[in-house]
Amino acid sequence: MPLTALAVLGAMFWLATGPQPARRPAHPTSTTASTAVPAAPAPVAAAESGSDTEPVELSDPTTPLPQGLETFYAQKAAWGTCAGASAGDTDQCATVSVPVDYLDPRGETVRIALRRLPATHPDQRRGTLFVNPGGPGASGVEMVDQAPDYFSESIRGVWDVVGFDPRGIGGSGGFTCMRPRDLDAMYASDPTPETAAERRALDRARVARLAGCLERGGPLARAMGSEQVAKDLDILRAAVGDTHLNYYGISYGTLIGALYAAQFPDRVGYTVIDSAVDPDYVSSSAVTQDDIDYWAEQSAGEADSVFADFVDSCVEDGDCPLGDDHAVAARRLVAFLDRLDRTPMPTDEPGIPVLTEGWAATGLAGAMRDQSMWGDAVEALRSALEDDDGSGLLWLAEDAVSRDSDGTYYGGYESVHLPIHCADWPSDASTSMRPTAKVLAAHPLYAHLFAEVQDSCAAWSGTQRTHLVITADPTTPVLVLGNEGDLTTPLDQTQRMAHAIFGSRFVSVVADGHGVYDNGNDCADAIVENYLVRSLVPKDGAHCA
């Protein structure tokens, strides 16, 4: 899909999603350099898709390690007690050095932070399972804190679960790309600019945010793309002593896994791609205004459908502040947002004393994507419409962007996703194209909540990924999973990821929400555990009802 399509679909299906809480035969070949063959692990429940599975065997890598990087590949992770560890904490931490610029390996380096949850049954240990929760830019080190509740005992029994902070994030040379005040201004900004002056102000603010990020981040900020992270992963793989990379990536973390497979196909081990982003960038230089409008209308249709479900749910739960008619409810909501554009509403938040149209749209757009938040959205709207109190809608927005009441953004990825996005999705002339006024007027709800894209890479001066259209032919079958009701990474783009990775096994799941594993579907969980624990992969096209 062209980048412009991603921009138009942006606010509804944008890739910058936060972390989710994402065969061996009888005598297996170990994924580590020297690991004893484990005893047979405990059985895993058969998937609903049946017992139509195949064993997976790992073949020995044949390609040499990249030249000029011998010093980096010779490292061994020195695991030790994590900073601030409490008594009885079994997690271990380490750092591994990688070059900032792989074209200049003798230049600057950055140390990648790792956190390990050791396998609970060391005698059955299969190796290291690297994990990444997405973002882009979310912390894998923090994901390990959730691993005991996220991964089953059967998986944790045989794998060391290792999270890493990608370069430029957290403990891996992390820096402040966008400051809290930059993010506050971005989310508060007008999502429906009506004049040329308002449009110019928005564009200037986007350019200024990127320029400030590059100034504060220096060379590392210009080299934070997922392709570089995939190269880092191969060095991390060697540092923990594994011959293959075993990997679990969720959401944006799936792009990292796919780019690893494209660059190191014979070193791909057990890999789970959970709720994948669209893998490909196709130059949109030939995109027309008709294309832009078509994509906008598609996205607007999805927005209208979700909003109709929201209204129905609101009505079922009782007195709905927007009414029980879909069209009337949409008009009331649009009129409310227009009123905020003219006169912001007071809140009880000292740091953000008034609710602007931008903050309200941020909160409502976030709630529309997450059905578990619909009840909170209804009460927030009730307070705003009936009591002139914007506090509830502001809370929704803060929750959606991981902002604390003290003004800090605790998710981390909000402040650093921009250079990753710019490196992964090159900007071109069509990036600045927007739906026509006619289309926006015909779909006012979409125009207010989802049409405006807040990022711009027009002034990007850093690295750009070279694998713009991903084709990977790994020697190990990759497991690709998607939920049919996922609004963040829709099923069709996860399926495109499966097509891009030859020999992969695509599994569709009848479920809502973002992230397949540990989302309440026993069939999907069993498929993942059969793959990671018993070395059994389903046939392509498996389906979990």
Protein backbone atom coordinates (compact mmCIF):
# COMPACT_ATOMS: atom_id res chain seq x y z
CA MET A 1 0.00 0.00 0.00
CA PRO A 2 1.44 3.42 -0.84
CA LEU A 3 2.55 5.59 2.01
CA THR A 4 -0.17 8.09 1.25
CA ALA A 5 -2.74 5.38 1.84
CA LEU A 6 -1.16 4.77 5.22
CA ALA A 7 -1.32 8.48 5.94
CA VAL A 8 -4.98 8.71 5.02
CA LEU A 9 -5.86 5.64 7.04
CA GLY A 10 -3.44 6.90 9.64
CA ALA A 11 -5.35 7.92 12.69
CA MET A 12 -7.60 4.87 12.54
CA PHE A 13 -5.20 2.17 11.48
CA TRP A 14 -1.87 3.84 12.18
CA LEU A 15 0.95 1.54 13.03
CA ALA A 16 2.08 3.33 16.14
CA THR A 17 0.33 1.14 18.56
CA GLY A 18 1.49 0.47 22.06
CA PRO A 19 2.48 -2.79 23.70
CA GLN A 20 -0.22 -5.35 24.36
CA PRO A 21 -1.10 -6.99 27.81
CA ALA A 22 1.67 -8.88 21.26
CA ARG A 23 9.30 -28.10 16.15
CA ARG A 24 11.17 -29.85 16.64
CA PRO A 25 10.86 -33.58 15.92
CA ALA A 26 11.41 -36.11 18.68
CA HIS A 27 15.17 -35.52 18.47
CA PRO A 28 15.37 -31.81 17.75
CA THR A 29 18.19 -29.66 16.53
CA SER A 30 18.90 -27.07 19.20
CA THR A 31 18.67 -23.38 18.40
CA THR A 32 21.57 -22.71 20.70
CA ALA A 33 25.21 -23.34 20.06
CA SER A 34 25.39 -25.94 22.82
CA THR A 35 22.20 -27.09 24.53
CA ALA A 36 21.24 -30.59 25.56
CA VAL A 37 18.20 -32.14 23.93
CA PRO A 38 15.35 -31.51 26.39
CA ALA A 39 12.91 -34.03 27.67
CA ALA A 40 9.50 -33.92 26.02
CA PRO A 41 7.58 -30.92 27.37
CA ALA A 42 4.10 -31.17 28.79
CA PRO A 43 1.41 -31.69 26.13
CA VAL A 44 -0.36 -28.65 24.75
CA ALA A 45 -4.06 -28.73 23.96
CA ALA A 46 -4.86 -29.44 20.33
CA ALA A 47 -6.04 -26.44 18.31
CA GLU A 48 -9.60 -26.19 17.08
CA SER A 49 -8.25 -26.19 13.56
CA GLY A 50 -7.47 -29.87 14.06
CA SER A 51 -4.33 -31.91 14.37
CA ASP A 52 -3.24 -31.13 10.80
CA THR A 53 0.25 -30.03 11.74
CA GLU A 54 3.78 -30.58 10.55
CA PRO A 55 7.04 -30.89 12.48
CA VAL A 56 9.61 -28.13 12.13
CA GLU A 57 13.30 -28.80 11.78
CA LEU A 58 15.96 -26.09 11.84
CA SER A 59 18.66 -26.28 9.20
CA ASP A 60 22.20 -25.14 9.86
CA PRO A 61 22.96 -21.60 8.60
CA THR A 62 25.29 -21.54 5.60
CA THR A 63 25.85 -17.82 4.98
CA PRO A 64 28.86 -16.16 6.64
CA LEU A 65 28.52 -13.42 9.20
CA PRO A 66 28.64 -9.85 7.83
CA GLN A 67 32.17 -8.65 7.14
CA GLY A 68 33.67 -5.89 9.24
CA LEU A 69 31.49 -6.70 12.24
CA GLU A 70 33.59 -9.49 13.75
CA THR A 71 34.21 -7.59 16.99
CA PHE A 72 30.50 -7.10 17.56
CA TYR A 73 29.63 -10.71 16.78
CA ALA A 74 32.35 -11.96 19.17
CA GLN A 75 30.56 -10.46 22.21
CA LYS A 76 28.93 -12.61 24.85
CA ALA A 77 26.09 -11.24 26.95
CA ALA A 78 27.30 -10.94 30.55
CA TRP A 79 24.11 -11.49 32.53
CA GLY A 80 23.90 -9.96 35.97
CA THR A 81 21.50 -8.60 38.55
CA CYS A 82 19.21 -5.91 37.16
CA ALA A 83 19.41 -2.42 38.64
CA GLY A 84 16.84 -1.94 41.38
CA ALA A 85 16.11 -5.67 41.61
CA SER A 86 14.24 -6.80 44.69
CA ALA A 87 14.96 -9.90 46.75
CA GLY A 88 13.95 -13.05 44.92
CA ASP A 89 13.87 -11.37 41.50
CA THR A 90 15.17 -13.94 39.00
CA ASP A 91 15.38 -11.56 36.02
CA GLN A 92 18.85 -10.86 34.67
CA CYS A 93 20.16 -7.90 32.66
CA ALA A 94 22.96 -7.26 30.20
CA THR A 95 24.03 -4.87 27.45
CA VAL A 96 25.51 -5.59 24.04
CA SER A 97 27.29 -3.06 21.82
CA VAL A 98 26.21 -2.42 18.20
CA PRO A 99 27.35 0.17 15.65
CA VAL A 100 25.17 3.26 15.25
CA ASP A 101 25.91 3.22 11.51
CA TYR A 102 26.43 -0.19 9.92
CA LEU A 103 28.17 1.48 6.98
CA ASP A 104 30.74 2.84 9.44
CA PRO A 105 31.20 0.08 12.04
CA ARG A 106 34.35 1.75 13.39
CA GLY A 107 32.37 4.85 14.28
CA GLU A 108 29.98 5.49 17.16
CA THR A 109 28.37 2.60 19.01
CA VAL A 110 25.32 2.21 21.23
CA ARG A 111 24.75 -0.39 23.91
CA ILE A 112 21.48 -2.33 23.63
CA ALA A 113 19.79 -3.09 26.94
CA LEU A 114 18.54 -6.66 27.50
CA ARG A 115 16.42 -8.22 30.24
CA ARG A 116 16.07 -12.00 30.60
CA LEU A 117 13.45 -14.12 32.33
CA PRO A 118 15.24 -17.49 32.53
CA ALA A 119 13.45 -20.68 31.54
CA THR A 120 11.72 -22.22 34.54
CA HIS A 121 12.84 -25.73 33.49
CA PRO A 122 16.53 -25.28 32.57
CA ASP A 123 16.93 -28.99 31.79
CA GLN A 124 14.34 -28.56 28.99
CA ARG A 125 15.61 -25.19 27.78
CA ARG A 126 15.40 -24.64 24.01
CA GLY A 127 17.17 -21.31 23.76
CA THR A 128 16.29 -17.62 23.79
CA LEU A 129 12.96 -16.16 22.67
CA PHE A 130 13.42 -12.47 21.89
CA VAL A 131 10.26 -10.39 22.27
CA ASN A 132 9.18 -6.99 21.02
CA PRO A 133 5.81 -5.36 21.86
CA GLY A 134 5.59 -2.91 18.96
CA GLY A 135 5.09 0.80 19.28
CA PRO A 136 7.10 1.66 17.23
CA GLY A 137 9.63 2.24 19.94
CA ALA A 138 8.04 0.40 22.87
CA SER A 139 10.34 -1.17 25.43
CA GLY A 140 10.98 -4.89 25.21
CA VAL A 141 12.76 -4.71 28.55
CA GLU A 142 9.49 -3.61 30.12
CA MET A 143 7.62 -6.36 28.28
CA VAL A 144 9.65 -8.95 30.18
CA ASP A 145 8.05 -7.66 33.38
CA GLN A 146 4.71 -8.80 31.92
CA ALA A 147 6.05 -12.09 30.57
CA PRO A 148 5.09 -14.24 33.61
CA ASP A 149 1.45 -13.26 33.12
CA TYR A 150 1.54 -13.10 29.33
CA PHE A 151 3.27 -16.31 28.26
CA SER A 152 2.05 -19.70 29.47
CA GLU A 153 4.04 -21.83 31.84
CA SER A 154 4.73 -24.30 29.02
CA ILE A 155 6.43 -21.56 26.96
CA ARG A 156 8.28 -20.03 29.90
CA GLY A 157 9.38 -23.48 30.94
CA VAL A 158 11.53 -24.06 27.85
CA TRP A 159 12.52 -20.56 26.68
CA ASP A 160 14.57 -17.78 28.16
CA VAL A 161 12.31 -14.82 27.39
CA VAL A 162 14.50 -11.83 26.51
CA GLY A 163 13.27 -8.31 25.89
CA PHE A 164 15.41 -5.57 24.44
CA ASP A 165 15.04 -1.83 24.12
CA PRO A 166 15.51 -0.98 20.44
CA ARG A 167 18.26 1.51 19.64
CA GLY A 168 17.42 5.01 20.85
CA ILE A 169 14.80 3.69 23.28
CA GLY A 170 14.99 3.48 27.08
CA GLY A 171 18.18 1.83 28.22
CA SER A 172 19.58 1.60 24.67
CA GLY A 173 20.82 5.15 24.30
CA GLY A 174 17.33 6.53 24.81
CA PHE A 175 16.88 10.24 24.23
CA THR A 176 13.98 12.66 24.29
CA CYS A 177 12.82 12.99 20.72
CA MET A 178 9.58 14.85 21.45
CA ARG A 179 9.32 16.50 24.83
CA PRO A 180 6.12 16.38 26.87
CA ARG A 181 5.31 19.94 25.86
CA ASP A 182 5.76 18.99 22.19
CA LEU A 183 3.36 16.08 22.59
CA ASP A 184 0.86 18.17 24.55
CA ALA A 185 0.82 20.76 21.77
CA MET A 186 0.48 18.06 19.11
CA TYR A 187 -2.52 16.37 20.71
CA ALA A 188 -4.18 19.69 21.55
CA SER A 189 -3.81 21.00 17.97
CA ASP A 190 -6.79 21.62 15.71
CA PRO A 191 -7.71 18.41 13.81
CA THR A 192 -10.04 20.32 11.44
CA PRO A 193 -8.11 23.31 10.03
CA GLU A 194 -10.53 25.46 8.06
CA THR A 195 -8.20 28.17 6.77
CA ALA A 196 -4.89 28.29 4.94
CA ALA A 197 -3.32 29.97 7.95
CA GLU A 198 -4.41 27.15 10.26
CA ARG A 199 -3.04 24.60 7.81
CA ARG A 200 0.32 26.40 7.59
CA ALA A 201 0.54 26.52 11.38
CA LEU A 202 -0.01 22.76 11.61
CA ASP A 203 2.60 22.05 8.95
CA ARG A 204 5.18 24.33 10.60
CA ALA A 205 4.61 22.61 13.94
CA ARG A 206 5.20 19.17 12.39
CA VAL A 207 8.46 20.25 10.79
CA ALA A 208 9.61 21.86 14.04
CA ARG A 209 8.93 18.69 16.03
CA LEU A 210 11.04 16.59 13.67
CA ALA A 211 13.86 19.16 13.58
CA GLY A 212 13.98 19.27 17.38
CA CYS A 213 14.05 15.49 17.57
CA LEU A 214 16.99 15.23 15.17
CA GLU A 215 18.89 17.94 17.02
CA ARG A 216 18.44 16.28 20.38
CA GLY A 217 19.11 12.75 19.13
CA GLY A 218 22.11 13.39 16.90
CA PRO A 219 23.46 10.52 14.74
CA LEU A 220 21.47 7.89 16.63
CA ALA A 221 18.17 9.62 15.83
CA ARG A 222 19.05 9.38 12.14
CA ALA A 223 19.68 5.63 12.35
CA MET A 224 16.69 4.28 14.28
CA GLY A 225 14.84 2.45 11.53
CA SER A 226 13.54 -1.10 11.94
CA GLU A 227 16.04 -2.38 9.39
CA GLN A 228 18.86 -1.29 11.70
CA VAL A 229 17.10 -2.91 14.67
CA ALA A 230 16.93 -6.18 12.72
CA LYS A 231 20.69 -6.00 12.19
CA ASP A 232 21.12 -5.37 15.91
CA LEU A 233 19.04 -8.47 16.62
CA ASP A 234 21.47 -10.68 14.74
CA ILE A 235 24.29 -9.44 16.94
CA LEU A 236 22.11 -10.00 20.01
CA ARG A 237 21.37 -13.52 18.77
CA ALA A 238 25.06 -14.28 18.60
CA ALA A 239 25.68 -12.68 22.00
CA VAL A 240 23.27 -15.08 23.75
CA GLY A 241 24.81 -18.08 21.97
CA ASP A 242 21.96 -19.02 19.62
CA THR A 243 22.52 -20.13 16.04
CA HIS A 244 19.01 -18.99 15.02
CA LEU A 245 16.91 -16.01 16.06
CA ASN A 246 13.77 -17.09 17.88
CA TYR A 247 11.42 -14.14 17.98
CA TYR A 248 7.95 -13.05 19.08
CA GLY A 249 6.87 -9.70 17.62
CA ILE A 250 3.54 -7.95 18.11
CA SER A 251 2.12 -5.10 16.00
CA TYR A 252 5.00 -2.90 14.82
CA GLY A 253 7.39 -5.50 16.19
CA THR A 254 6.30 -7.71 13.29
CA LEU A 255 8.07 -5.40 10.83
CA ILE A 256 11.32 -5.95 12.73
CA GLY A 257 10.83 -9.72 12.48
CA ALA A 258 10.04 -9.55 8.75
CA LEU A 259 13.07 -7.36 8.04
CA TYR A 260 15.24 -9.82 9.96
CA ALA A 261 13.90 -12.65 7.80
CA ALA A 262 14.61 -10.64 4.65
CA GLN A 263 18.23 -10.02 5.69
CA PHE A 264 19.10 -13.27 7.50
CA PRO A 265 16.79 -15.94 6.03
CA ASP A 266 18.84 -18.96 7.06
CA ARG A 267 19.13 -17.75 10.65
CA VAL A 268 15.38 -17.52 11.22
CA GLY A 269 14.30 -19.78 14.06
CA TYR A 270 10.90 -20.09 15.70
CA THR A 271 9.23 -16.81 14.79
CA VAL A 272 5.73 -15.62 15.67
CA ILE A 273 4.33 -12.61 13.81
CA ASP A 274 1.30 -11.49 15.83
CA SER A 275 -1.05 -8.86 14.30
CA ALA A 276 1.21 -7.61 11.55
CA VAL A 277 1.59 -4.18 10.05
CA ASP A 278 1.49 -3.79 6.29
CA PRO A 279 5.00 -4.83 5.22
CA ASP A 280 5.48 -2.79 2.05
CA TYR A 281 6.14 0.74 1.00
CA VAL A 282 5.37 1.45 -2.64
CA SER A 283 6.28 4.84 -4.04
CA SER A 284 3.17 6.94 -4.30
CA SER A 285 4.56 9.42 -6.81
CA ALA A 286 1.83 8.37 -9.26
CA VAL A 287 -0.98 8.72 -6.72
CA THR A 288 -3.82 10.96 -7.82
CA GLN A 289 -6.31 12.97 -5.84
CA ASP A 290 -8.91 10.39 -6.78
CA ASP A 291 -6.78 7.73 -5.04
CA ILE A 292 -6.54 9.85 -1.91
CA ASP A 293 -10.29 10.38 -1.85
CA TYR A 294 -11.00 6.70 -2.46
CA TRP A 295 -8.81 5.62 0.47
CA ALA A 296 -10.38 8.28 2.68
CA GLU A 297 -13.88 7.08 1.81
CA GLN A 298 -12.87 3.50 2.64
CA SER A 299 -11.55 4.57 6.02
CA ALA A 300 -14.61 6.76 6.61
CA GLY A 301 -16.84 3.76 5.99
CA GLU A 302 -14.96 1.79 8.63
CA ALA A 303 -15.23 4.72 11.04
CA ASP A 304 -18.98 5.02 10.48
CA SER A 305 -19.45 1.29 11.06
CA VAL A 306 -17.51 1.34 14.33
CA PHE A 307 -19.37 4.43 15.51
CA ALA A 308 -22.72 2.77 14.74
CA ASP A 309 -21.70 -0.20 16.90
CA PHE A 310 -20.65 2.24 19.62
CA VAL A 311 -24.04 3.95 19.55
CA ASP A 312 -25.87 0.62 19.64
CA SER A 313 -23.82 -0.44 22.65
CA CYS A 314 -24.53 2.89 24.32
CA VAL A 315 -28.27 2.50 23.78
CA GLU A 316 -28.27 -1.09 25.06
CA ASP A 317 -26.59 0.00 28.28
CA GLY A 318 -29.22 2.63 29.04
CA ASP A 319 -29.85 6.31 28.42
CA CYS A 320 -27.39 7.29 25.65
CA PRO A 321 -26.34 10.96 25.70
CA LEU A 322 -26.06 10.99 21.89
CA GLY A 323 -29.48 9.45 21.26
CA ASP A 324 -30.37 6.16 19.58
CA ASP A 325 -30.21 7.16 15.90
CA HIS A 326 -26.81 6.67 14.24
CA ALA A 327 -27.01 9.70 11.95
CA VAL A 328 -28.37 11.99 14.65
CA ALA A 329 -25.72 10.80 17.12
CA ALA A 330 -22.96 11.51 14.60
CA ARG A 331 -24.30 15.03 13.95
CA ARG A 332 -24.49 15.74 17.67
CA LEU A 333 -20.93 14.57 18.21
CA VAL A 334 -19.62 16.62 15.28
CA ALA A 335 -21.48 19.72 16.53
CA PHE A 336 -19.96 19.19 19.98
CA LEU A 337 -16.44 18.98 18.53
CA ASP A 338 -17.05 22.10 16.44
CA ARG A 339 -18.13 23.91 19.58
CA LEU A 340 -14.88 22.88 21.29
CA ASP A 341 -12.96 24.28 18.33
CA ARG A 342 -14.52 27.66 19.08
CA THR A 343 -14.68 27.43 22.88
CA PRO A 344 -12.62 24.83 24.77
CA MET A 345 -14.26 23.24 27.80
CA PRO A 346 -12.87 23.40 31.36
CA THR A 347 -11.33 20.32 32.98
CA ASP A 348 -10.08 19.49 36.46
CA GLU A 349 -6.56 18.77 35.18
CA PRO A 350 -4.17 21.59 36.30
CA GLY A 351 -1.69 20.82 33.53
CA ILE A 352 -4.39 20.91 30.83
CA PRO A 353 -7.08 23.21 32.19
CA VAL A 354 -9.20 23.20 29.03
CA LEU A 355 -10.35 20.46 26.65
CA THR A 356 -9.65 21.45 23.05
CA GLU A 357 -11.14 19.81 19.98
CA GLY A 358 -7.79 18.09 19.44
CA TRP A 359 -7.70 16.52 22.91
CA ALA A 360 -11.34 15.42 22.61
CA ALA A 361 -10.75 13.88 19.19
CA THR A 362 -7.65 12.09 20.52
CA GLY A 363 -9.63 10.56 23.36
CA LEU A 364 -12.66 9.57 21.29
CA ALA A 365 -10.58 8.13 18.43
CA GLY A 366 -8.63 6.05 20.94
CA ALA A 367 -11.83 4.81 22.59
CA MET A 368 -13.41 3.87 19.27
CA ARG A 369 -10.51 1.49 18.62
CA ASP A 370 -10.89 -0.23 22.00
CA GLN A 371 -14.32 -1.64 22.78
CA SER A 372 -13.40 -2.07 26.43
CA MET A 373 -13.29 1.74 26.67
CA TRP A 374 -16.75 2.37 25.25
CA GLY A 375 -18.44 2.59 28.65
CA ASP A 376 -15.89 5.17 29.80
CA ALA A 377 -16.41 7.12 26.56
CA VAL A 378 -20.17 7.24 27.11
CA GLU A 379 -19.80 8.61 30.65
CA ALA A 380 -17.18 11.12 29.49
CA LEU A 381 -19.52 12.37 26.77
CA ARG A 382 -22.39 12.56 29.26
CA SER A 383 -20.33 14.76 31.59
CA ALA A 384 -19.27 16.99 28.73
CA LEU A 385 -22.69 17.35 27.09
CA GLU A 386 -24.78 17.63 30.24
CA ASP A 387 -22.41 19.20 32.78
CA ASP A 388 -19.93 21.14 30.61
CA ASP A 389 -17.10 19.14 32.18
CA GLY A 390 -14.31 18.01 29.85
CA SER A 391 -12.39 16.05 32.49
CA GLY A 392 -13.65 12.63 31.37
CA LEU A 393 -12.78 13.16 27.72
CA LEU A 394 -9.36 14.48 28.70
CA TRP A 395 -8.81 11.36 30.80
CA LEU A 396 -9.72 9.23 27.75
CA ALA A 397 -7.15 11.11 25.69
CA GLU A 398 -4.45 10.78 28.33
CA ASP A 399 -5.14 7.06 28.57
CA ALA A 400 -4.96 6.70 24.78
CA VAL A 401 -1.53 8.36 24.56
CA SER A 402 -0.12 7.06 27.88
CA ARG A 403 0.07 10.49 29.51
CA ASP A 404 0.12 10.75 33.29
CA SER A 405 -1.60 13.58 35.15
CA ASP A 406 1.83 14.96 36.08
CA GLY A 407 2.52 15.60 32.39
CA THR A 408 4.86 12.67 31.71
CA TYR A 409 4.30 10.18 28.90
CA TYR A 410 4.91 6.84 30.53
CA GLY A 411 4.54 4.63 27.44
CA GLY A 412 7.82 5.92 26.03
CA TYR A 413 7.08 5.15 22.39
CA GLU A 414 4.98 8.32 21.93
CA SER A 415 8.07 10.48 22.27
CA VAL A 416 10.39 8.46 20.02
CA HIS A 417 8.26 6.85 17.32
CA LEU A 418 8.80 9.68 14.85
CA PRO A 419 12.37 8.89 13.65
CA ILE A 420 11.47 5.19 13.37
CA HIS A 421 8.42 6.03 11.28
CA CYS A 422 10.42 8.38 9.04
CA ALA A 423 13.16 5.80 8.49
CA ASP A 424 10.69 3.01 7.73
CA TRP A 425 8.20 4.89 5.53
CA PRO A 426 10.01 7.33 3.19
CA SER A 427 8.31 10.62 2.51
CA ASP A 428 7.43 11.67 -1.04
CA ALA A 429 5.42 14.35 -2.79
CA SER A 430 2.10 12.68 -2.14
CA THR A 431 2.63 12.68 1.63
CA SER A 432 1.16 16.17 1.87
CA MET A 433 -1.92 15.27 -0.21
CA ARG A 434 -5.19 15.26 1.71
CA PRO A 435 -8.77 14.29 0.96
CA THR A 436 -10.75 16.96 -0.83
CA ALA A 437 -13.11 19.22 1.07
CA LYS A 438 -16.02 17.47 -0.66
CA VAL A 439 -15.02 14.08 0.78
CA LEU A 440 -14.40 15.47 4.26
CA ALA A 441 -17.74 17.30 4.20
CA ALA A 442 -19.49 14.06 3.21
CA HIS A 443 -17.86 12.23 6.14
CA PRO A 444 -17.70 14.75 9.00
CA LEU A 445 -17.21 12.18 11.76
CA TYR A 446 -14.18 10.75 9.98
CA ALA A 447 -12.93 14.27 9.26
CA HIS A 448 -13.05 15.21 12.94
CA LEU A 449 -11.68 12.02 14.48
CA PHE A 450 -9.45 10.26 11.97
CA ALA A 451 -8.50 12.34 8.92
CA GLU A 452 -5.69 14.54 10.24
CA VAL A 453 -2.25 12.90 10.49
CA GLN A 454 -0.07 14.48 13.15
CA ASP A 455 3.38 13.41 11.94
CA SER A 456 5.37 14.62 8.98
CA CYS A 457 8.66 13.28 7.62
CA ALA A 458 9.07 15.95 4.94
CA ALA A 459 12.31 17.20 6.56
CA TRP A 460 13.75 13.77 7.40
CA SER A 461 17.52 13.52 6.87
CA GLY A 462 18.32 10.11 8.30
CA THR A 463 18.57 6.54 7.06
CA GLN A 464 15.77 4.87 5.10
CA ARG A 465 15.08 1.18 4.84
CA THR A 466 16.24 -0.52 1.67
CA HIS A 467 13.80 -3.45 1.81
CA LEU A 468 10.81 -1.30 0.88
CA VAL A 469 8.89 -4.27 -0.54
CA ILE A 470 9.59 -7.18 1.75
CA THR A 471 10.19 -10.61 0.31
CA ALA A 472 11.65 -13.12 2.72
CA ASP A 473 12.37 -16.80 2.12
CA PRO A 474 13.38 -18.16 5.53
CA THR A 475 14.45 -21.74 6.00
CA THR A 476 12.06 -22.12 8.96
CA PRO A 477 8.27 -21.68 8.61
CA VAL A 478 7.10 -18.49 10.33
CA LEU A 479 3.78 -18.38 12.21
CA VAL A 480 1.64 -15.34 11.26
CA LEU A 481 -1.50 -14.59 13.31
CA GLY A 482 -4.31 -12.06 12.91
CA ASN A 483 -7.68 -11.25 14.48
CA GLU A 484 -10.61 -10.64 12.15
CA GLY A 485 -11.83 -7.79 14.34
CA ASP A 486 -8.50 -5.98 14.75
CA LEU A 487 -8.92 -2.30 13.88
CA THR A 488 -5.31 -1.38 14.59
CA THR A 489 -3.70 -3.90 12.22
CA PRO A 490 -6.57 -5.18 10.06
CA LEU A 491 -6.53 -8.81 9.00
CA ASP A 492 -5.86 -8.08 5.34
CA GLN A 493 -2.56 -6.37 6.07
CA THR A 494 -1.51 -9.21 8.37
CA GLN A 495 -2.29 -11.55 5.49
CA ARG A 496 -0.10 -9.41 3.20
CA MET A 497 2.71 -9.92 5.69
CA ALA A 498 2.16 -13.67 5.48
CA HIS A 499 2.37 -13.51 1.68
CA ALA A 500 5.62 -11.55 1.92
CA ILE A 501 7.25 -14.29 4.03
CA PHE A 502 7.42 -17.36 1.82
CA GLY A 503 6.47 -20.62 3.51
CA SER A 504 4.80 -18.87 6.44
CA ARG A 505 1.65 -20.29 8.04
CA PHE A 506 -1.19 -17.80 8.26
CA VAL A 507 -3.77 -18.25 11.01
CA SER A 508 -6.96 -16.15 11.13
CA VAL A 509 -8.85 -15.83 14.39
CA VAL A 510 -12.47 -14.82 15.00
CA ALA A 511 -11.74 -12.27 17.71
CA ASP A 512 -11.74 -8.55 18.33
CA GLY A 513 -8.89 -6.51 19.65
CA HIS A 514 -5.22 -6.07 18.83
CA GLY A 515 -2.97 -9.03 19.53
CA VAL A 516 -3.90 -12.69 19.05
CA TYR A 517 -2.02 -14.62 21.72
CA ASP A 518 -3.39 -14.36 25.28
CA ASN A 519 -6.55 -12.68 23.96
CA GLY A 520 -9.02 -15.32 25.14
CA ASN A 521 -8.99 -17.70 22.16
CA ASP A 522 -7.86 -21.16 23.28
CA CYS A 523 -7.40 -22.36 19.71
CA ALA A 524 -4.97 -19.56 18.86
CA ASP A 525 -3.08 -19.99 22.13
CA ALA A 526 -2.73 -23.73 21.48
CA ILE A 527 -1.33 -23.10 17.98
CA VAL A 528 1.32 -20.75 19.39
CA GLU A 529 2.25 -23.16 22.16
CA ASN A 530 2.37 -26.17 19.82
CA TYR A 531 4.78 -24.20 17.65
CA LEU A 532 7.05 -22.86 20.39
CA VAL A 533 6.95 -25.85 22.73
CA ARG A 534 6.34 -28.94 20.57
CA SER A 535 7.81 -27.79 17.22
CA LEU A 536 4.51 -28.27 15.39
CA VAL A 537 3.27 -25.78 12.84
CA PRO A 538 -0.26 -25.75 11.35
CA LYS A 539 -0.98 -25.91 7.67
CA ASP A 540 -1.27 -22.51 6.02
CA GLY A 541 -4.75 -21.00 6.31
CA ALA A 542 -5.67 -22.46 9.70
CA HIS A 543 -8.69 -20.81 11.28
CA CYS A 544 -9.73 -20.38 14.90
CA ALA A 545 -13.44 -19.84 15.49
